[in-house]
Amino acid sequence: MSTHFIELCKLCEQLEKEASRNLKVNIVVDFLRKISSEEVKFAVYFITGKFPSNLLTLNVGYSTIYQIIKKLSNISDNQYLTEYNKTGDMGETAKKIFEIYPPKTQKTFFEQPSTLTEVYEIFQKIAEFTGESSRVKKQRLIESFLSKITPLEVKYFIKNLIGEMRHGFSEGLMEEAVAKAFNVELEKVRLASMVTGDLGKVCEFLKIFGKDGIEKISLTVFQPIKPMLADLAKNPAEALIRHGGKTSFEFKLDGVRIQIHKKNSNVKIFSRRLKEVTEAFPEIVEKIKHEIKADSFVVEGEIIPTTKNGKPLPFQYIMRRYGRVKNLEKTIKNIATTLYLFDLLYLDGEVLIGKPFYERRKKLEEIAPNQMLTPQLITSNPVEAEKFFEEAIKNGHEGLVAKQLESAYTPGIRGKKWLKIKKVLETLDLVILAAEYGHGYRHDWLSDYYLAAKNLEVKPIFEKDYVSFADYVEKIHNDRFKVVGKTFKGLTDEEIKTLTGKLKNLILEKHGRAVILKPKIVVEVAYSEIQKSPLYSCGYALRFARIVRIREDKTIDEIDTTEKVKEIFEKQFKTTTSNFLER
């Protein structure tokens, strides 16, 4: 018998109200045991709000859902914001609004409720829409479905669309529930989930085959697995100490991390999020087919953008290859790539993730040409390691990755077995020009900040010259400052609460959940690099910006300038040719 989506929604409501971790797990255990094997994986996806990215990539944003809610309920912006500001939860907001202002075509008493399978099929259709008109098609489909289901179903449909369940039942708890439901060791469930990248599939196997089903799950070609993650180390010497005095160092490249699967003549490339991106890199596919001496394998590596001379280019160049279907040949011609491999996870029928790193690397060296391998140094000498780090930086790379020689490959796990060591760029002192209220538990706090540098070349700005909110913010301040990025990272919750109180006293204008501020609060900002960007009028943007501290000792007269931002950008890529920098 099919399980109705409303049953799962009621279960999620229970989870939201239940404080006990053990009782939460037991509620889900009972649910997994009673539903069919055809639907159990859908239940795992819908309860956790996580879908394997190789199966579903939804790409539905807050603004799309916001417009749908307004259209179906026929309410104003102020009515929506009034309700949203109570919880900061878009799903709960939609539920409350639809209870008061139901869509005209909402489900009648005599209509059959939607099943888990039917709702998953809707999600599949949403994911299948791509291209220029995809947003409109997605919006129409979501509108149509939301108009036919109950307010409670609307709540959890939306929560799954945006991946914010907020009921306190994480993927880790779901692993516990799956293990308990089918009487399997938790560690086996976790390993199976890491290897498949799909906890729903693991649950389905156990439902069909019982506890012995866990043994049937293994690394399979064309089924991408979660990448192993690295912790941070301050320098090579620290990495040596943490790895017991001797370790493997490799260049840390600034490109896209990929997983390449090959079986006979078939090759597929997956991103670190497990999404297939084969079409974007046809030249890499050809290299793999002709230059690696094995029939069946799974390798990991990095694709970096390069000049014709092989020098690395900024990360943003390689991102132009993602999602480019139109003019792909032209894009390939303009943006050259170089492939570096650094790990081997599977080879001709043998799963290698449990083998030590040095063994996996040796086997990789046996099947791949030397020029395709990430430069490596195995040493116990901190001076040698530091020189290798400087060589990586000199060649335009990010730094090093230290890999413990005996380490197994642990999919999806971040730990000390791999350590990344990056060049630290000088921080910038910037002013907060605008801010937005957060979502979830941060919905009452101004927690997303527009960061700006001083502009020394002030020019008059006219109405026609601004198109984005950042442009408008700059206009309000007579172009004295230029926005160089946004961030919600770096500060503790207590610091955000305190800062919110200060910022509320500096508000000049309100725009929905965004506010424009008097330029007074100076913050020290760290970042991974500075990129060229069309998003901001200054032409630059901070990548992975985070606030280090609030500089109460500094005034806006002392903040860094756009010229300083430009100087740092140019220093980053001094190894690349100037004509690429000016593109």
Protein backbone atom coordinates (compact mmCIF):
# COMPACT_ATOMS: atom_id res chain seq x y z
CA MET A 1 0.00 0.00 0.00
CA SER A 2 1.31 3.46 -0.93
CA THR A 3 2.32 5.93 1.76
CA HIS A 4 0.76 9.37 1.55
CA PHE A 5 2.99 12.44 1.71
CA ILE A 6 0.76 13.90 4.43
CA GLU A 7 1.80 10.99 6.71
CA LEU A 8 5.45 11.94 6.33
CA CYS A 9 4.58 15.59 6.97
CA LYS A 10 2.84 14.65 10.22
CA LEU A 11 5.91 12.64 11.20
CA CYS A 12 8.11 15.68 10.57
CA GLU A 13 5.80 17.75 12.77
CA GLN A 14 6.37 15.19 15.54
CA LEU A 15 10.14 15.45 15.06
CA GLU A 16 9.94 19.24 15.25
CA LYS A 17 8.17 19.09 18.63
CA GLU A 18 10.18 16.20 20.13
CA ALA A 19 13.31 17.20 22.08
CA SER A 20 14.66 13.72 22.85
CA ARG A 21 17.21 12.44 20.36
CA ASN A 22 16.35 8.80 21.12
CA LEU A 23 12.62 9.35 20.73
CA LYS A 24 13.20 11.12 17.40
CA VAL A 25 15.17 8.09 16.17
CA ASN A 26 12.46 5.69 17.36
CA ILE A 27 9.71 7.65 15.57
CA VAL A 28 11.61 7.35 12.29
CA VAL A 29 12.51 3.68 12.90
CA ASP A 30 8.81 2.79 13.15
CA PHE A 31 8.07 4.73 9.96
CA LEU A 32 10.86 3.07 7.95
CA ARG A 33 9.77 -0.38 9.06
CA LYS A 34 6.14 0.06 8.01
CA ILE A 35 6.52 1.61 4.54
CA SER A 36 7.21 -0.33 1.34
CA SER A 37 10.64 -1.01 -0.18
CA GLU A 38 9.59 1.03 -3.25
CA GLU A 39 9.10 4.16 -1.13
CA VAL A 40 11.60 3.84 1.71
CA LYS A 41 14.38 5.75 -0.05
CA PHE A 42 11.97 8.61 -0.79
CA ALA A 43 11.13 8.74 2.91
CA VAL A 44 14.84 9.09 3.75
CA TYR A 45 15.21 11.94 1.26
CA PHE A 46 12.07 13.81 2.37
CA ILE A 47 12.73 13.48 6.11
CA THR A 48 16.33 14.68 5.89
CA GLY A 49 15.69 17.19 3.10
CA LYS A 50 18.77 15.84 1.29
CA PHE A 51 18.70 14.38 -2.21
CA PRO A 52 21.76 12.80 -3.89
CA SER A 53 23.01 15.52 -6.24
CA ASN A 54 23.67 12.98 -9.00
CA LEU A 55 19.92 12.19 -8.90
CA LEU A 56 18.34 15.59 -8.26
CA THR A 57 19.64 19.13 -8.59
CA LEU A 58 16.65 21.38 -7.97
CA ASN A 59 18.06 24.92 -8.24
CA VAL A 60 14.96 26.59 -6.79
CA GLY A 61 15.71 29.75 -4.83
CA TYR A 62 13.95 31.74 -2.12
CA SER A 63 12.83 34.42 -4.56
CA THR A 64 11.02 31.89 -6.78
CA ILE A 65 9.15 30.39 -3.83
CA TYR A 66 8.39 33.84 -2.45
CA GLN A 67 6.77 34.86 -5.75
CA ILE A 68 4.75 31.61 -5.85
CA ILE A 69 3.44 32.08 -2.30
CA LYS A 70 2.40 35.67 -3.05
CA LYS A 71 0.70 34.73 -6.32
CA LEU A 72 -1.29 31.80 -4.92
CA SER A 73 -2.40 33.62 -1.77
CA ASN A 74 -2.80 37.05 -3.37
CA ILE A 75 -1.12 38.81 -0.44
CA SER A 76 1.12 41.89 -0.33
CA ASP A 77 4.85 42.07 0.37
CA ASN A 78 4.15 43.49 3.82
CA GLN A 79 1.74 40.69 4.69
CA TYR A 80 4.32 38.11 3.70
CA LEU A 81 7.16 39.80 5.60
CA THR A 82 5.01 40.20 8.71
CA GLU A 83 4.40 36.45 8.81
CA TYR A 84 7.94 35.48 7.78
CA ASN A 85 9.53 37.70 10.42
CA LYS A 86 7.80 35.67 13.15
CA THR A 87 9.82 32.51 12.44
CA GLY A 88 12.26 33.05 9.59
CA ASP A 89 11.01 29.73 8.21
CA MET A 90 9.72 29.84 4.62
CA GLY A 91 7.85 26.53 4.88
CA GLU A 92 6.09 27.51 8.11
CA THR A 93 5.31 30.94 6.63
CA ALA A 94 3.66 29.36 3.58
CA LYS A 95 1.62 27.03 5.81
CA LYS A 96 0.31 29.91 7.95
CA ILE A 97 -0.50 32.06 4.92
CA PHE A 98 -2.31 29.25 3.06
CA GLU A 99 -4.36 28.47 6.16
CA ILE A 100 -5.66 32.06 6.09
CA TYR A 101 -5.56 32.70 2.32
CA PRO A 102 -5.96 29.27 0.64
CA PRO A 103 -5.36 29.02 -3.12
CA LYS A 104 -8.62 28.85 -5.03
CA THR A 105 -7.81 25.42 -6.47
CA GLN A 106 -6.62 23.79 -3.22
CA LYS A 107 -7.44 20.08 -2.83
CA THR A 108 -11.04 19.21 -2.07
CA PHE A 109 -12.15 16.61 0.48
CA PHE A 110 -12.87 14.04 -2.26
CA GLU A 111 -9.47 14.15 -3.97
CA GLN A 112 -6.87 11.47 -3.20
CA PRO A 113 -3.80 12.61 -1.22
CA SER A 114 -0.43 12.55 -3.01
CA THR A 115 1.87 9.61 -2.32
CA LEU A 116 5.61 9.76 -1.59
CA THR A 117 6.29 8.38 -5.07
CA GLU A 118 4.11 11.03 -6.73
CA VAL A 119 5.80 13.85 -4.81
CA TYR A 120 9.26 12.52 -5.70
CA GLU A 121 8.21 12.43 -9.36
CA ILE A 122 7.31 16.13 -9.08
CA PHE A 123 10.80 16.81 -7.72
CA GLN A 124 12.28 14.85 -10.63
CA LYS A 125 10.37 16.98 -13.13
CA ILE A 126 11.57 20.16 -11.41
CA ALA A 127 15.18 18.94 -11.66
CA GLU A 128 14.78 18.04 -15.34
CA PHE A 129 13.96 21.61 -16.38
CA THR A 130 17.13 23.29 -17.65
CA GLY A 131 18.00 26.16 -19.95
CA GLU A 132 16.77 29.71 -20.37
CA SER A 133 13.08 29.06 -19.65
CA SER A 134 13.68 26.57 -16.81
CA ARG A 135 12.81 29.02 -14.03
CA VAL A 136 9.40 29.78 -15.55
CA LYS A 137 8.67 26.07 -16.11
CA LYS A 138 9.69 25.19 -12.55
CA GLN A 139 7.57 28.00 -11.16
CA ARG A 140 4.48 26.87 -13.07
CA LEU A 141 4.88 23.26 -11.96
CA ILE A 142 5.41 24.21 -8.30
CA GLU A 143 2.44 26.61 -8.41
CA SER A 144 0.22 23.91 -9.85
CA PHE A 145 1.20 21.36 -7.21
CA LEU A 146 1.07 23.71 -4.21
CA SER A 147 -2.42 24.80 -5.19
CA LYS A 148 -3.67 21.21 -4.83
CA ILE A 149 -2.19 20.11 -1.50
CA THR A 150 -2.87 20.95 2.15
CA PRO A 151 -1.05 23.75 4.03
CA LEU A 152 0.91 21.16 6.05
CA GLU A 153 2.06 19.43 2.85
CA VAL A 154 2.97 22.84 1.40
CA LYS A 155 5.20 23.45 4.42
CA TYR A 156 7.30 20.32 3.94
CA PHE A 157 7.27 20.44 0.15
CA ILE A 158 8.86 23.90 0.36
CA LYS A 159 11.27 22.83 3.12
CA ASN A 160 12.50 20.04 0.87
CA LEU A 161 12.84 22.39 -2.10
CA ILE A 162 15.21 24.65 -0.19
CA GLY A 163 16.79 21.93 1.96
CA GLU A 164 15.93 23.48 5.33
CA MET A 165 13.99 21.01 7.47
CA ARG A 166 14.69 22.55 10.90
CA HIS A 167 13.23 19.62 12.85
CA GLY A 168 16.51 18.55 14.41
CA PHE A 169 16.75 15.26 12.54
CA SER A 170 20.11 15.29 10.77
CA GLU A 171 21.61 12.83 8.31
CA GLY A 172 23.59 11.39 11.24
CA LEU A 173 20.39 10.62 13.14
CA MET A 174 18.91 9.09 10.00
CA GLU A 175 21.92 6.77 9.81
CA GLU A 176 21.17 5.72 13.40
CA ALA A 177 17.51 5.15 12.51
CA VAL A 178 18.39 3.05 9.46
CA ALA A 179 20.85 0.95 11.49
CA LYS A 180 18.27 0.37 14.26
CA ALA A 181 15.38 -0.30 11.87
CA PHE A 182 17.25 -3.14 10.17
CA ASN A 183 19.46 -4.32 13.06
CA VAL A 184 22.76 -3.40 11.38
CA GLU A 185 25.93 -1.96 12.91
CA LEU A 186 25.90 1.82 12.69
CA GLU A 187 29.46 1.99 11.31
CA LYS A 188 28.48 -0.28 8.42
CA VAL A 189 25.56 1.99 7.57
CA ARG A 190 27.80 5.07 7.71
CA LEU A 191 30.43 3.47 5.46
CA ALA A 192 27.78 2.32 2.97
CA SER A 193 26.32 5.85 2.92
CA MET A 194 29.77 7.36 2.30
CA VAL A 195 30.58 4.89 -0.48
CA THR A 196 27.27 5.31 -2.32
CA GLY A 197 26.63 8.96 -1.50
CA ASP A 198 23.00 7.89 -1.11
CA LEU A 199 21.60 6.96 2.32
CA GLY A 200 18.19 6.35 0.73
CA LYS A 201 19.68 3.67 -1.50
CA VAL A 202 21.34 2.03 1.52
CA CYS A 203 17.99 1.95 3.30
CA GLU A 204 16.32 0.47 0.21
CA PHE A 205 18.93 -2.34 0.03
CA LEU A 206 18.35 -3.19 3.69
CA LYS A 207 14.58 -3.14 3.23
CA ILE A 208 14.81 -5.57 0.30
CA PHE A 209 17.66 -7.85 1.38
CA GLY A 210 17.59 -7.53 5.16
CA LYS A 211 20.73 -7.00 7.25
CA ASP A 212 22.79 -8.98 4.71
CA GLY A 213 21.99 -6.28 2.16
CA ILE A 214 24.71 -4.08 3.63
CA GLU A 215 27.33 -6.50 2.31
CA LYS A 216 26.03 -6.02 -1.23
CA ILE A 217 26.91 -2.30 -1.13
CA SER A 218 30.33 -1.34 -2.44
CA LEU A 219 32.06 1.27 -4.54
CA THR A 220 30.69 0.93 -8.07
CA VAL A 221 31.90 2.56 -11.27
CA PHE A 222 29.61 5.45 -12.32
CA GLN A 223 28.20 5.76 -8.78
CA PRO A 224 30.16 8.76 -7.39
CA ILE A 225 31.18 8.79 -3.73
CA LYS A 226 31.57 11.69 -1.33
CA PRO A 227 35.08 13.19 -1.40
CA MET A 228 37.45 12.87 1.55
CA LEU A 229 37.98 16.29 3.18
CA ALA A 230 41.01 18.00 4.69
CA ASP A 231 41.45 19.85 7.96
CA LEU A 232 43.59 23.00 8.27
CA ALA A 233 47.23 23.32 9.29
CA LYS A 234 49.05 26.63 9.74
CA ASN A 235 52.25 25.55 8.00
CA PRO A 236 54.17 22.48 6.74
CA ALA A 237 56.01 22.07 10.07
CA GLU A 238 52.69 21.71 11.93
CA ALA A 239 51.52 19.15 9.38
CA LEU A 240 54.68 17.08 9.95
CA ILE A 241 54.13 17.09 13.70
CA ARG A 242 50.46 16.12 13.38
CA HIS A 243 51.36 13.29 10.99
CA GLY A 244 54.01 11.80 13.25
CA GLY A 245 57.13 13.35 11.73
CA LYS A 246 56.82 12.20 8.10
CA THR A 247 54.14 12.81 5.51
CA SER A 248 53.30 13.28 1.83
CA PHE A 249 52.94 16.85 0.57
CA GLU A 250 51.16 17.68 -2.70
CA PHE A 251 50.48 20.98 -4.45
CA LYS A 252 47.05 22.34 -3.50
CA LEU A 253 45.54 23.42 -6.80
CA ASP A 254 42.85 26.07 -7.24
CA GLY A 255 40.52 24.43 -9.72
CA VAL A 256 37.52 22.13 -9.64
CA ARG A 257 37.87 18.88 -7.76
CA ILE A 258 36.55 16.01 -9.84
CA GLN A 259 36.02 12.27 -9.69
CA ILE A 260 36.54 10.40 -12.95
CA HIS A 261 34.93 7.01 -13.57
CA LYS A 262 35.85 4.78 -16.52
CA LYS A 263 34.65 1.37 -17.65
CA ASN A 264 35.90 0.15 -21.02
CA SER A 265 35.43 3.12 -23.36
CA ASN A 266 32.79 4.90 -21.25
CA VAL A 267 34.02 7.85 -19.15
CA LYS A 268 32.04 10.04 -16.75
CA ILE A 269 33.25 13.04 -14.75
CA PHE A 270 31.57 14.09 -11.49
CA SER A 271 31.95 17.28 -9.43
CA ARG A 272 32.72 17.30 -5.70
CA ARG A 273 28.94 17.56 -5.18
CA LEU A 274 28.56 14.30 -7.14
CA LYS A 275 26.90 15.97 -10.12
CA GLU A 276 27.88 14.73 -13.57
CA VAL A 277 29.85 17.36 -15.53
CA THR A 278 31.28 15.18 -18.32
CA GLU A 279 29.86 17.37 -21.07
CA ALA A 280 31.82 20.42 -19.87
CA PHE A 281 35.22 18.72 -20.27
CA PRO A 282 35.36 16.72 -23.54
CA GLU A 283 39.14 17.17 -23.84
CA ILE A 284 39.61 15.60 -20.39
CA VAL A 285 37.51 12.62 -21.45
CA GLU A 286 39.81 12.07 -24.43
CA LYS A 287 42.92 12.32 -22.23
CA ILE A 288 41.51 9.72 -19.84
CA LYS A 289 40.64 7.33 -22.68
CA HIS A 290 44.06 7.49 -24.29
CA GLU A 291 46.55 8.17 -21.51
CA ILE A 292 45.53 6.04 -18.52
CA LYS A 293 46.49 2.38 -18.83
CA ALA A 294 43.54 0.58 -17.25
CA ASP A 295 40.11 -0.64 -18.34
CA SER A 296 38.09 0.21 -15.26
CA PHE A 297 38.89 2.74 -12.54
CA VAL A 298 37.79 5.60 -10.31
CA VAL A 299 40.34 8.39 -9.89
CA GLU A 300 40.24 11.75 -8.14
CA GLY A 301 41.88 14.91 -9.31
CA GLU A 302 41.66 18.60 -10.03
CA ILE A 303 41.03 20.44 -13.29
CA ILE A 304 42.60 23.88 -13.34
CA PRO A 305 42.34 26.67 -15.93
CA THR A 306 45.67 27.50 -17.56
CA THR A 307 47.33 29.79 -20.07
CA LYS A 308 48.76 28.37 -23.30
CA ASN A 309 52.06 28.09 -21.43
CA GLY A 310 50.48 25.99 -18.68
CA LYS A 311 50.43 28.71 -16.02
CA PRO A 312 47.43 28.54 -13.65
CA LEU A 313 44.65 31.09 -13.98
CA PRO A 314 42.16 32.26 -11.32
CA PHE A 315 39.50 29.77 -10.21
CA GLN A 316 36.66 31.77 -11.79
CA TYR A 317 37.92 30.92 -15.30
CA ILE A 318 37.24 27.21 -14.86
CA MET A 319 33.73 27.93 -13.55
CA ARG A 320 32.86 29.34 -16.98
CA ARG A 321 32.99 25.76 -18.24
CA TYR A 322 30.24 24.55 -15.88
CA GLY A 323 26.76 24.47 -17.32
CA ARG A 324 27.89 25.80 -20.71
CA VAL A 325 25.95 23.96 -23.39
CA LYS A 326 25.74 26.83 -25.87
CA ASN A 327 29.01 27.92 -27.49
CA LEU A 328 30.85 25.12 -25.67
CA GLU A 329 33.45 24.79 -28.43
CA LYS A 330 34.25 28.51 -28.22
CA THR A 331 34.46 28.32 -24.42
CA ILE A 332 36.81 25.32 -24.63
CA LYS A 333 39.02 27.17 -27.10
CA ASN A 334 39.21 30.27 -24.88
CA ILE A 335 39.69 28.46 -21.57
CA ALA A 336 42.37 25.78 -21.65
CA THR A 337 42.51 23.19 -18.87
CA THR A 338 45.09 20.95 -17.23
CA LEU A 339 44.21 17.76 -15.37
CA TYR A 340 46.09 16.65 -12.26
CA LEU A 341 45.28 13.34 -10.55
CA PHE A 342 45.96 12.68 -6.86
CA ASP A 343 44.11 9.52 -5.79
CA LEU A 344 42.95 6.13 -7.04
CA LEU A 345 39.86 4.64 -5.39
CA TYR A 346 39.06 1.67 -7.60
CA LEU A 347 41.06 -0.29 -10.19
CA ASP A 348 39.91 -3.16 -12.42
CA GLY A 349 37.53 -4.71 -9.88
CA GLU A 350 39.49 -3.88 -6.72
CA VAL A 351 38.15 -1.33 -4.22
CA LEU A 352 41.11 0.63 -2.84
CA ILE A 353 39.59 3.08 -0.35
CA GLY A 354 40.63 0.88 2.59
CA LYS A 355 44.26 0.72 1.39
CA PRO A 356 46.93 3.13 2.74
CA PHE A 357 47.44 6.35 0.78
CA TYR A 358 51.02 5.51 -0.24
CA GLU A 359 49.76 2.27 -1.82
CA ARG A 360 46.96 4.03 -3.72
CA ARG A 361 49.40 6.66 -4.98
CA LYS A 362 51.87 4.00 -6.15
CA LYS A 363 49.17 2.21 -8.14
CA LEU A 364 48.08 5.56 -9.61
CA GLU A 365 51.67 6.20 -10.75
CA GLU A 366 51.63 2.83 -12.52
CA ILE A 367 48.62 3.67 -14.70
CA ALA A 368 48.85 7.45 -15.24
CA PRO A 369 51.58 9.51 -16.98
CA ASN A 370 53.83 11.49 -14.64
CA GLN A 371 52.77 14.89 -16.04
CA MET A 372 49.17 14.08 -15.08
CA LEU A 373 50.02 13.57 -11.40
CA THR A 374 49.91 16.25 -8.72
CA PRO A 375 53.51 17.20 -7.77
CA GLN A 376 54.45 15.33 -4.58
CA LEU A 377 57.13 15.39 -1.89
CA ILE A 378 57.44 12.75 0.83
CA THR A 379 59.64 14.09 3.62
CA SER A 380 60.34 14.37 7.32
CA ASN A 381 62.36 17.57 6.85
CA PRO A 382 60.46 20.79 7.70
CA VAL A 383 62.92 22.90 5.68
CA GLU A 384 62.31 20.79 2.56
CA ALA A 385 58.57 20.98 3.17
CA GLU A 386 58.66 24.78 3.49
CA LYS A 387 60.63 25.07 0.22
CA PHE A 388 58.04 22.86 -1.49
CA PHE A 389 55.29 25.12 -0.13
CA GLU A 390 57.08 28.21 -1.52
CA GLU A 391 57.48 26.44 -4.87
CA ALA A 392 53.73 25.78 -5.01
CA ILE A 393 52.96 29.45 -4.29
CA LYS A 394 55.59 30.64 -6.79
CA ASN A 395 53.92 28.52 -9.47
CA GLY A 396 50.56 30.16 -8.81
CA HIS A 397 48.92 27.46 -6.69
CA GLU A 398 47.09 27.77 -3.35
CA GLY A 399 49.58 25.90 -1.17
CA LEU A 400 49.95 22.25 -0.12
CA VAL A 401 47.91 19.28 1.05
CA ALA A 402 49.61 16.97 3.54
CA LYS A 403 48.44 13.34 3.41
CA GLN A 404 49.27 10.81 6.09
CA LEU A 405 51.04 7.95 4.34
CA GLU A 406 49.06 5.20 6.10
CA SER A 407 45.68 6.90 5.77
CA ALA A 408 42.70 5.08 4.28
CA TYR A 409 40.28 7.05 2.11
CA THR A 410 37.31 8.09 4.25
CA PRO A 411 34.53 9.45 1.98
CA GLY A 412 32.77 12.56 3.24
CA ILE A 413 34.90 12.79 6.41
CA ARG A 414 37.02 15.81 7.37
CA GLY A 415 39.92 14.95 9.66
CA LYS A 416 43.61 15.23 10.43
CA LYS A 417 44.69 12.51 7.97
CA TRP A 418 44.62 15.16 5.24
CA LEU A 419 45.69 18.73 6.07
CA LYS A 420 45.56 21.75 3.80
CA ILE A 421 48.13 24.51 4.11
CA LYS A 422 47.32 27.74 2.30
CA LYS A 423 49.04 31.05 1.76
CA VAL A 424 47.50 33.62 4.10
CA LEU A 425 46.52 36.82 2.30
CA GLU A 426 46.56 40.09 4.18
CA THR A 427 43.21 41.02 5.66
CA LEU A 428 41.20 44.09 4.65
CA ASP A 429 39.55 46.67 6.90
CA LEU A 430 36.12 47.39 5.38
CA VAL A 431 32.91 49.15 6.35
CA ILE A 432 29.46 47.52 6.60
CA LEU A 433 27.26 49.54 4.20
CA ALA A 434 24.14 47.38 4.30
CA ALA A 435 22.85 44.19 5.91
CA GLU A 436 20.11 41.62 5.58
CA TYR A 437 18.19 39.71 8.22
CA GLY A 438 19.10 36.01 8.31
CA HIS A 439 16.98 32.90 8.01
CA GLY A 440 16.08 30.20 10.51
CA TYR A 441 17.14 30.97 14.06
CA ARG A 442 18.93 34.09 12.76
CA HIS A 443 15.74 35.60 11.33
CA ASP A 444 15.71 38.40 13.93
CA TRP A 445 19.40 39.26 13.44
CA LEU A 446 21.13 41.36 10.82
CA SER A 447 23.61 38.64 9.90
CA ASP A 448 24.46 39.02 6.19
CA TYR A 449 26.71 42.00 5.56
CA TYR A 450 27.62 44.08 2.50
CA LEU A 451 31.31 44.96 2.83
CA ALA A 452 32.76 48.05 1.17
CA ALA A 453 36.12 49.69 0.55
CA LYS A 454 36.81 53.41 0.25
CA ASN A 455 36.53 54.75 -3.30
CA LEU A 456 39.13 57.42 -4.09
CA GLU A 457 37.80 58.15 -7.58
CA VAL A 458 34.33 59.44 -6.77
CA LYS A 459 32.14 60.08 -9.79
CA PRO A 460 28.51 61.22 -9.81
CA ILE A 461 26.02 58.33 -10.06
CA PHE A 462 22.75 58.83 -11.90
CA GLU A 463 19.54 56.80 -11.74
CA LYS A 464 20.33 54.89 -14.92
CA ASP A 465 23.72 53.76 -13.61
CA TYR A 466 22.56 51.32 -10.94
CA VAL A 467 20.85 47.98 -11.50
CA SER A 468 21.54 45.94 -8.35
CA PHE A 469 20.96 46.52 -4.65
CA ALA A 470 24.73 46.93 -4.16
CA ASP A 471 24.76 49.65 -6.85
CA TYR A 472 21.86 51.40 -5.12
CA VAL A 473 23.64 51.23 -1.76
CA GLU A 474 26.69 52.90 -3.34
CA LYS A 475 24.45 55.60 -4.84
CA ILE A 476 22.93 56.38 -1.43
CA HIS A 477 26.48 57.02 -0.20
CA ASN A 478 27.38 59.20 -3.21
CA ASP A 479 29.83 56.62 -4.54
CA ARG A 480 32.27 57.21 -1.64
CA PHE A 481 32.42 53.45 -1.03
CA LYS A 482 32.42 50.40 -3.29
CA VAL A 483 30.93 47.06 -2.30
CA VAL A 484 33.50 44.25 -2.66
CA GLY A 485 31.58 41.35 -1.16
CA LYS A 486 28.98 39.89 1.19
CA THR A 487 29.39 37.55 4.12
CA PHE A 488 27.50 35.93 6.98
CA LYS A 489 30.56 34.11 8.30
CA GLY A 490 33.10 34.70 11.04
CA LEU A 491 31.15 36.09 13.98
CA THR A 492 29.65 34.12 16.87
CA ASP A 493 25.92 34.24 17.53
CA GLU A 494 26.52 36.54 20.53
CA GLU A 495 28.62 38.89 18.40
CA ILE A 496 25.91 38.95 15.70
CA LYS A 497 23.23 39.77 18.29
CA THR A 498 25.34 42.60 19.72
CA LEU A 499 26.19 43.90 16.25
CA THR A 500 22.51 43.79 15.23
CA GLY A 501 21.68 46.15 18.10
CA LYS A 502 24.33 48.61 16.91
CA LEU A 503 23.34 48.38 13.25
CA LYS A 504 19.65 49.03 13.98
CA ASN A 505 20.66 52.46 15.25
CA LEU A 506 22.41 53.18 11.93
CA ILE A 507 19.57 52.33 9.53
CA LEU A 508 19.01 54.87 6.74
CA GLU A 509 16.53 52.92 4.59
CA LYS A 510 14.62 49.62 4.77
CA HIS A 511 14.07 47.41 1.73
CA GLY A 512 12.13 44.29 2.70
CA ARG A 513 14.55 42.31 4.88
CA ALA A 514 17.53 44.42 3.84
CA VAL A 515 18.65 47.73 5.37
CA ILE A 516 21.03 50.44 4.20
CA LEU A 517 23.28 51.77 6.95
CA LYS A 518 25.29 54.78 7.94
CA PRO A 519 28.95 53.90 7.26
CA LYS A 520 30.28 53.53 10.78
CA ILE A 521 31.03 49.87 11.69
CA VAL A 522 34.52 48.81 10.51
CA VAL A 523 35.41 45.10 10.34
CA GLU A 524 38.58 43.19 9.59
CA VAL A 525 37.88 40.71 6.78
CA ALA A 526 39.77 37.59 5.70
CA TYR A 527 39.15 35.82 2.36
CA SER A 528 40.62 33.07 0.19
CA GLU A 529 41.32 35.32 -2.79
CA ILE A 530 40.09 38.33 -4.76
CA GLN A 531 38.38 37.68 -8.08
CA LYS A 532 37.31 39.84 -10.98
CA SER A 533 33.54 40.11 -10.85
CA PRO A 534 30.74 41.74 -12.87
CA LEU A 535 28.48 41.69 -9.79
CA TYR A 536 29.99 44.81 -8.26
CA SER A 537 30.73 48.14 -9.91
CA CYS A 538 34.34 48.14 -8.65
CA GLY A 539 34.97 45.02 -10.74
CA TYR A 540 36.27 42.86 -7.88
CA ALA A 541 34.81 40.49 -5.30
CA LEU A 542 36.17 38.73 -2.20
CA ARG A 543 35.94 34.95 -2.39
CA PHE A 544 34.89 33.16 0.83
CA ALA A 545 34.96 36.37 2.86
CA ARG A 546 34.65 36.08 6.65
CA ILE A 547 34.79 38.66 9.41
CA VAL A 548 37.80 38.21 11.68
CA ARG A 549 36.82 40.89 14.20
CA ILE A 550 35.03 44.19 14.63
CA ARG A 551 37.52 47.06 14.55
CA GLU A 552 36.11 49.42 17.16
CA ASP A 553 39.49 51.15 17.20
CA LYS A 554 39.16 52.27 13.55
CA THR A 555 37.06 54.89 11.79
CA ILE A 556 35.83 54.84 8.20
CA ASP A 557 38.66 57.23 7.27
CA GLU A 558 41.08 54.38 8.00
CA ILE A 559 39.49 51.61 5.94
CA ASP A 560 41.22 50.10 2.90
CA THR A 561 40.63 51.47 -0.58
CA THR A 562 39.54 49.94 -3.88
CA GLU A 563 43.11 50.56 -5.07
CA LYS A 564 44.35 48.28 -2.28
CA VAL A 565 41.86 45.61 -3.38
CA LYS A 566 43.14 45.88 -6.95
CA GLU A 567 46.78 45.66 -5.81
CA ILE A 568 46.14 42.46 -3.83
CA PHE A 569 44.31 40.96 -6.82
CA GLU A 570 47.27 41.63 -9.11
CA LYS A 571 49.82 40.27 -6.61
CA GLN A 572 47.88 37.01 -6.36
CA PHE A 573 48.42 36.16 -9.98
CA LYS A 574 51.81 37.67 -10.72
CA THR A 575 52.80 34.35 -12.30
CA THR A 576 50.11 34.69 -14.97
CA THR A 577 50.36 36.86 -18.06
CA SER A 578 49.08 40.42 -17.87
CA ASN A 579 46.80 40.02 -20.87
CA PHE A 580 44.78 37.40 -18.99
CA LEU A 581 44.51 39.67 -15.96
CA GLU A 582 43.07 42.43 -18.10
CA ARG A 583 40.42 40.28 -19.80
